[in-house]
Amino acid sequence: MCNRYTPPHLLDMEREWHIGNRNPIRWWDPVLYPRGQGPFLRRAKDDAGYSRELVVGQWGLIPWFAKEPKLKYPTNNARSEEVQDKASYKHPWARGQRCIIPAADFDEPNWETGKNVWWRFRRTDGRPWGLAGLWNTWTDKATGEVHESYTMLTINADTHPLMSRMHKPDPKLPADKQDKRSVIPLNPENYDDWLAGTVADAGQLLRLAEVDLIEAAQVVAE
């Protein structure tokens, strides 16, 4: 799972995802933590054809049945193996409400020393990450306020040579049964398939990043 990442600069997002340079000035957190406000890209809601739009919303998907926007349980990460059936995510998944979460980098904890040491992950080619996510729009019945929100999909990384080293291991479980989690980076050539393809098309894109695409290093305290 991921609980901290950095959004790219707006100009970098405009260049990577071809969303034009007329996006309104928007505010989001410079470093994202659960329930913070972050940017994401989706297929434009008001476009009968296909175009991408930049949206700002809460990192922590607000499901249709929520009573309030600030939930008492975490929804910033969603297990990709469960999105088809889990109440919080099954409707956005079935409706194709998939989004791309831009990230200049993301952080994960490494416990190989016996202590939590944060590692930072970037792309080796210098491009921003486009992470797989789901979005939802929720309206507060009491106030009429509309809330946009999103969740970051994760996948089992027990067999990945790098991502399997992240997160605190359970000493009672074998190495291949830890259910270590990783975010799901999308390849640039698959952006359109993720945003506008069928559910079956999207399911084929739920996979781990190649090791040679990942630049990882310990976070240096500032």
Protein backbone atom coordinates (compact mmCIF):
# COMPACT_ATOMS: atom_id res chain seq x y z
CA MET A 1 0.00 0.00 0.00
CA CYS A 2 0.98 3.61 -0.31
CA ASN A 3 0.34 6.34 2.25
CA ARG A 4 2.57 9.13 0.96
CA TYR A 5 3.40 10.49 -2.48
CA THR A 6 4.26 13.74 -4.26
CA PRO A 7 2.16 15.08 -7.16
CA PRO A 8 4.10 16.39 -10.19
CA HIS A 9 4.13 20.05 -11.16
CA LEU A 10 1.11 21.11 -13.19
CA LEU A 11 3.24 21.73 -16.29
CA ASP A 12 4.64 18.19 -16.10
CA MET A 13 1.10 16.79 -15.90
CA GLU A 14 -0.02 18.86 -18.87
CA ARG A 15 2.91 17.57 -20.94
CA GLU A 16 2.61 13.92 -19.91
CA TRP A 17 -1.15 13.56 -20.29
CA HIS A 18 -1.84 16.13 -23.02
CA ILE A 19 -4.50 17.94 -21.04
CA GLY A 20 -3.71 21.37 -22.45
CA ASN A 21 -2.39 24.44 -20.70
CA ARG A 22 -5.67 26.12 -19.80
CA ASN A 23 -6.40 24.24 -16.63
CA PRO A 24 -7.77 26.53 -13.91
CA ILE A 25 -5.55 27.30 -10.98
CA ARG A 26 -6.23 24.50 -8.52
CA TRP A 27 -5.02 23.83 -5.03
CA TRP A 28 -3.72 20.49 -3.83
CA ASP A 29 -1.37 19.30 -1.13
CA PRO A 30 2.32 19.45 -2.10
CA VAL A 31 2.77 16.05 -0.42
CA LEU A 32 -0.20 13.71 -0.29
CA TYR A 33 -1.30 11.75 2.77
CA PRO A 34 -4.61 9.89 3.22
CA ARG A 35 -7.62 12.25 3.20
CA GLY A 36 -5.53 15.02 1.64
CA GLN A 37 -6.50 16.85 -1.55
CA GLY A 38 -4.76 15.62 -4.67
CA PRO A 39 -5.00 15.80 -8.49
CA PHE A 40 -6.18 12.93 -10.66
CA LEU A 41 -7.10 12.47 -14.31
CA ARG A 42 -10.20 10.85 -15.69
CA ARG A 43 -12.25 10.67 -18.83
CA ALA A 44 -14.14 13.97 -18.98
CA LYS A 45 -17.64 13.59 -17.54
CA ASP A 46 -19.25 16.14 -19.88
CA ASP A 47 -17.61 14.95 -23.11
CA ALA A 48 -19.68 12.63 -25.32
CA GLY A 49 -16.50 11.65 -27.12
CA TYR A 50 -13.20 11.16 -25.31
CA SER A 51 -11.03 13.70 -23.58
CA ARG A 52 -9.14 13.82 -20.31
CA GLU A 53 -9.82 16.21 -17.48
CA LEU A 54 -7.78 17.16 -14.43
CA VAL A 55 -9.74 16.92 -11.19
CA VAL A 56 -8.85 17.64 -7.55
CA GLY A 57 -10.37 15.48 -4.85
CA GLN A 58 -9.89 13.69 -1.56
CA TRP A 59 -7.37 10.86 -1.48
CA GLY A 60 -9.73 8.36 0.09
CA LEU A 61 -12.72 7.34 -2.01
CA ILE A 62 -16.11 8.37 -0.59
CA PRO A 63 -18.57 5.55 -1.45
CA TRP A 64 -22.22 6.17 -2.31
CA PHE A 65 -23.43 4.93 1.09
CA ALA A 66 -21.20 7.26 3.15
CA LYS A 67 -22.90 9.54 5.69
CA GLU A 68 -20.06 12.06 5.73
CA PRO A 69 -17.01 12.83 3.57
CA LYS A 70 -14.41 12.13 6.26
CA LEU A 71 -14.70 8.39 6.75
CA LYS A 72 -13.68 6.58 9.92
CA TYR A 73 -11.93 3.85 7.92
CA PRO A 74 -9.23 4.14 5.24
CA THR A 75 -10.15 4.07 1.55
CA ASN A 76 -7.00 5.60 0.06
CA ASN A 77 -5.83 2.15 -1.09
CA ALA A 78 -8.00 -0.54 -2.66
CA ARG A 79 -6.91 -4.13 -3.26
CA SER A 80 -7.32 -4.73 -6.97
CA GLU A 81 -8.33 -8.33 -6.30
CA GLU A 82 -11.36 -7.09 -4.33
CA VAL A 83 -12.70 -4.13 -6.34
CA GLN A 84 -15.26 -6.24 -8.19
CA ASP A 85 -16.97 -7.30 -4.96
CA LYS A 86 -16.14 -4.84 -2.18
CA ALA A 87 -19.00 -2.45 -1.41
CA SER A 88 -16.87 0.71 -1.40
CA TYR A 89 -15.43 0.10 -4.87
CA LYS A 90 -17.62 -2.29 -6.87
CA HIS A 91 -19.89 0.36 -8.37
CA PRO A 92 -17.06 2.68 -9.56
CA TRP A 93 -15.26 -0.37 -10.96
CA ALA A 94 -18.33 -1.68 -12.79
CA ARG A 95 -19.12 1.80 -14.18
CA GLY A 96 -15.58 2.27 -15.49
CA GLN A 97 -14.80 5.14 -13.14
CA ARG A 98 -11.07 4.60 -13.46
CA CYS A 99 -8.53 7.37 -13.04
CA ILE A 100 -4.83 8.04 -13.36
CA ILE A 101 -3.09 9.36 -10.26
CA PRO A 102 -0.05 11.46 -11.22
CA ALA A 103 2.96 11.07 -8.93
CA ALA A 104 6.45 12.48 -9.22
CA ASP A 105 7.42 9.88 -6.62
CA PHE A 106 5.92 7.70 -3.91
CA ASP A 107 7.31 6.41 -0.61
CA GLU A 108 7.21 2.97 1.00
CA PRO A 109 8.57 1.71 4.34
CA ASN A 110 11.44 -0.78 4.42
CA TRP A 111 11.93 -2.80 7.62
CA GLU A 112 15.04 -4.84 6.72
CA THR A 113 17.06 -3.12 9.46
CA GLY A 114 14.35 -3.80 12.03
CA LYS A 115 13.28 -0.17 11.87
CA ASN A 116 11.07 1.77 9.48
CA VAL A 117 13.32 3.30 6.81
CA TRP A 118 11.43 5.22 4.11
CA TRP A 119 12.34 4.55 0.49
CA ARG A 120 11.39 6.81 -2.41
CA PHE A 121 10.44 5.49 -5.83
CA ARG A 122 10.77 7.37 -9.13
CA ARG A 123 10.75 6.31 -12.77
CA THR A 124 14.20 5.76 -14.26
CA ASP A 125 13.19 7.66 -17.42
CA GLY A 126 12.33 10.81 -15.46
CA ARG A 127 8.65 10.77 -16.39
CA PRO A 128 5.96 11.02 -13.71
CA TRP A 129 4.20 7.88 -12.55
CA GLY A 130 0.65 7.34 -13.75
CA LEU A 131 -0.84 5.15 -11.01
CA ALA A 132 -4.05 3.17 -11.43
CA GLY A 133 -7.00 4.41 -9.40
CA LEU A 134 -10.78 4.68 -9.11
CA TRP A 135 -12.80 7.85 -8.58
CA ASN A 136 -16.24 8.71 -7.27
CA THR A 137 -18.43 11.81 -6.95
CA TRP A 138 -20.41 12.06 -3.72
CA THR A 139 -22.98 14.69 -2.78
CA ASP A 140 -23.67 15.65 0.81
CA LYS A 141 -27.44 15.36 1.21
CA ALA A 142 -27.45 17.83 4.09
CA THR A 143 -25.57 20.64 2.35
CA GLY A 144 -25.67 19.79 -1.34
CA GLU A 145 -21.87 20.07 -1.49
CA VAL A 146 -20.26 17.89 -4.16
CA HIS A 147 -17.10 15.97 -3.22
CA GLU A 148 -14.70 14.36 -5.68
CA SER A 149 -12.55 11.54 -4.32
CA TYR A 150 -10.24 8.74 -5.46
CA THR A 151 -8.47 5.61 -4.32
CA MET A 152 -5.15 4.07 -5.38
CA LEU A 153 -5.25 0.44 -6.49
CA THR A 154 -2.71 -2.04 -5.13
CA ILE A 155 -1.60 -5.53 -6.12
CA ASN A 156 0.23 -8.42 -4.44
CA ALA A 157 4.01 -7.95 -4.70
CA ASP A 158 5.32 -11.05 -2.88
CA THR A 159 7.24 -12.20 -5.98
CA HIS A 160 8.58 -8.80 -7.04
CA PRO A 161 12.35 -8.54 -6.36
CA LEU A 162 12.11 -4.93 -5.15
CA MET A 163 8.58 -4.21 -3.96
CA SER A 164 8.49 -7.41 -1.89
CA ARG A 165 11.18 -5.83 0.31
CA MET A 166 8.84 -3.05 1.40
CA HIS A 167 6.52 -3.04 4.44
CA LYS A 168 6.91 -4.83 7.73
CA PRO A 169 6.98 -8.61 7.31
CA ASP A 170 4.86 -10.99 9.35
CA PRO A 171 7.34 -13.46 10.94
CA LYS A 172 4.58 -16.07 11.18
CA LEU A 173 4.11 -16.23 7.40
CA PRO A 174 6.43 -17.55 4.65
CA ALA A 175 7.99 -15.06 2.25
CA ASP A 176 5.63 -15.95 -0.60
CA LYS A 177 2.50 -15.55 1.58
CA GLN A 178 3.11 -12.08 3.07
CA ASP A 179 0.72 -10.27 0.73
CA LYS A 180 3.09 -7.34 0.41
CA ARG A 181 1.28 -4.64 -1.57
CA SER A 182 2.43 -2.37 -4.39
CA VAL A 183 0.86 0.46 -6.35
CA ILE A 184 0.06 -0.28 -10.00
CA PRO A 185 1.95 1.94 -12.46
CA LEU A 186 0.38 2.24 -15.90
CA ASN A 187 2.51 2.27 -19.04
CA PRO A 188 2.00 5.45 -21.10
CA GLU A 189 0.75 3.46 -24.08
CA ASN A 190 -2.06 2.09 -21.87
CA TYR A 191 -3.43 5.37 -20.52
CA ASP A 192 -6.38 5.45 -22.93
CA ASP A 193 -7.18 1.77 -22.38
CA TRP A 194 -7.29 2.37 -18.65
CA LEU A 195 -9.50 5.45 -18.83
CA ALA A 196 -11.86 4.40 -21.63
CA GLY A 197 -11.51 0.66 -22.17
CA THR A 198 -13.81 -2.09 -20.98
CA VAL A 199 -13.62 -3.63 -17.52
CA ALA A 200 -11.93 -6.63 -19.13
CA ASP A 201 -9.36 -4.34 -20.81
CA ALA A 202 -8.64 -2.66 -17.48
CA GLY A 203 -8.21 -5.97 -15.72
CA GLN A 204 -5.34 -6.85 -18.05
CA LEU A 205 -3.44 -3.74 -16.91
CA LEU A 206 -3.39 -4.68 -13.22
CA ARG A 207 0.25 -5.70 -12.98
CA LEU A 208 3.50 -4.76 -11.29
CA ALA A 209 6.12 -2.45 -12.76
CA GLU A 210 9.23 -3.89 -14.38
CA VAL A 211 12.25 -3.61 -12.07
CA ASP A 212 14.31 -1.66 -14.60
CA LEU A 213 11.66 1.07 -14.65
CA ILE A 214 12.08 1.78 -10.92
CA GLU A 215 14.65 4.06 -9.32
CA ALA A 216 14.60 3.51 -5.55
CA ALA A 217 16.64 5.09 -2.76
CA GLN A 218 16.34 5.79 0.94
CA VAL A 219 14.70 9.08 1.81
CA VAL A 220 17.28 11.54 3.09
CA ALA A 221 16.02 13.53 6.07
CA GLU A 222 15.87 17.25 5.33
